[in-house]
């Protein structure tokens, strides 16, 4: 189970793609999963005390795997990342998923 869950949208050259980001934070280390384009892939990274973070992972499209490095910030209940792939930069924004049962 992940402590942090976000509904995300990713700006791509062919339009907005929706997904989810799940992760845990332990002493500045992020470990989790990115679920987008019908693929769930592991992510890892770091975060500082101000919410600035750096993540790495893969996005799998219909045509190929794209390794990415993302930088951004989690602040006031929002997530804003800029993910750089081999040729494109994808803006990722997100809001927390309610954890009410």
Protein backbone atom coordinates (compact mmCIF):
# COMPACT_ATOMS: atom_id res chain seq x y z
CA UNK A 1 0.00 0.00 0.00
CA UNK A 2 1.22 3.46 -0.87
CA UNK A 3 0.94 6.47 1.43
CA UNK A 4 0.79 9.00 -1.43
CA UNK A 5 -1.63 8.63 -4.34
CA UNK A 6 -2.20 11.21 -7.08
CA UNK A 7 -4.46 11.46 -10.11
CA UNK A 8 -2.22 12.90 -12.79
CA UNK A 9 -2.41 14.29 -16.29
CA UNK A 10 0.51 14.41 -18.68
CA UNK A 11 0.76 16.86 -21.56
CA UNK A 12 2.05 15.01 -24.65
CA UNK A 13 2.47 16.03 -28.30
CA UNK A 14 -0.71 14.05 -29.09
CA UNK A 15 -2.81 15.42 -26.24
CA UNK A 16 -3.44 14.99 -22.55
CA UNK A 17 -3.02 11.51 -21.06
CA UNK A 18 -4.48 10.60 -17.66
CA UNK A 19 -3.05 8.28 -15.06
CA UNK A 20 -2.06 7.78 -11.44
CA UNK A 21 1.11 8.05 -9.40
CA UNK A 22 1.55 6.02 -6.21
CA UNK A 23 4.58 6.32 -3.92
CA UNK A 24 6.03 6.17 -0.43
CA UNK A 25 8.58 8.56 1.03
CA UNK A 26 11.19 7.34 3.50
CA UNK A 27 13.90 9.76 4.69
CA UNK A 28 13.98 11.70 1.43
CA UNK A 29 13.70 8.67 -0.87
CA UNK A 30 10.69 8.11 -3.13
CA UNK A 31 9.72 4.62 -4.32
CA UNK A 32 6.50 3.93 -6.19
CA UNK A 33 4.68 3.33 -9.45
CA UNK A 34 3.53 5.45 -12.38
CA UNK A 35 0.38 4.17 -14.09
CA UNK A 36 -0.10 5.84 -17.47
CA UNK A 37 -0.92 4.73 -21.04
CA UNK A 38 -2.24 1.44 -19.62
CA UNK A 39 1.16 0.50 -18.17
CA UNK A 40 2.28 0.49 -14.53
CA UNK A 41 6.03 1.04 -14.16
CA UNK A 42 8.26 1.58 -11.12
CA UNK A 43 9.61 5.03 -10.27
CA UNK A 44 12.23 6.11 -7.78
CA UNK A 45 13.79 9.34 -6.70
CA UNK A 46 14.43 11.87 -3.98
CA UNK A 47 12.55 14.70 -2.29
CA UNK A 48 13.75 17.45 0.02
CA UNK A 49 12.06 19.11 2.98
CA UNK A 50 10.55 21.80 0.72
CA UNK A 51 8.88 19.31 -1.64
CA UNK A 52 11.37 19.63 -4.51
CA UNK A 53 11.83 16.23 -6.08
CA UNK A 54 13.66 14.29 -8.77
CA UNK A 55 12.19 11.07 -10.19
CA UNK A 56 13.33 8.52 -12.74
CA UNK A 57 11.38 5.81 -14.51
CA UNK A 58 9.94 4.65 -17.81
CA UNK A 59 6.85 5.43 -19.83
CA UNK A 60 5.73 2.69 -22.21
CA UNK A 61 3.88 3.80 -25.33
CA UNK A 62 2.42 1.70 -28.14
CA UNK A 63 5.70 2.11 -30.02
CA UNK A 64 8.53 2.15 -27.45
CA UNK A 65 9.86 2.57 -23.93
CA UNK A 66 10.85 6.09 -22.93
CA UNK A 67 13.27 6.53 -20.04
CA UNK A 68 12.59 9.81 -18.25
CA UNK A 69 13.96 12.04 -15.54
CA UNK A 70 11.47 14.37 -13.88
CA UNK A 71 12.03 17.35 -11.64
CA UNK A 72 9.45 19.44 -9.87
CA UNK A 73 7.66 20.05 -6.61
CA UNK A 74 4.93 18.65 -4.41
CA UNK A 75 3.40 21.55 -2.54
CA UNK A 76 0.02 22.46 -1.00
CA UNK A 77 -1.67 19.30 -2.27
CA UNK A 78 -0.48 19.59 -5.85
CA UNK A 79 2.18 17.87 -7.90
CA UNK A 80 4.01 19.65 -10.73
CA UNK A 81 6.72 17.81 -12.65
CA UNK A 82 8.62 18.32 -15.86
CA UNK A 83 9.63 14.91 -17.28
CA UNK A 84 12.38 14.87 -19.89
CA UNK A 85 12.40 11.89 -22.25
CA UNK A 86 14.71 11.18 -25.15
CA UNK A 87 13.13 13.85 -27.40
CA UNK A 88 10.29 15.53 -25.55
CA UNK A 89 9.52 17.20 -22.27
CA UNK A 90 6.22 16.15 -20.70
CA UNK A 91 4.51 18.35 -18.11
CA UNK A 92 2.85 16.26 -15.39
CA UNK A 93 0.40 17.74 -12.89
CA UNK A 94 -1.55 15.97 -10.19
CA UNK A 95 -3.87 16.19 -7.24
CA UNK A 96 -4.12 13.78 -4.32
CA UNK A 97 -6.59 10.92 -4.49
CA UNK A 98 -8.89 10.95 -1.48
CA UNK A 99 -8.02 8.09 0.85
CA UNK A 100 -11.43 8.02 2.55
CA UNK A 101 -12.83 4.53 2.91
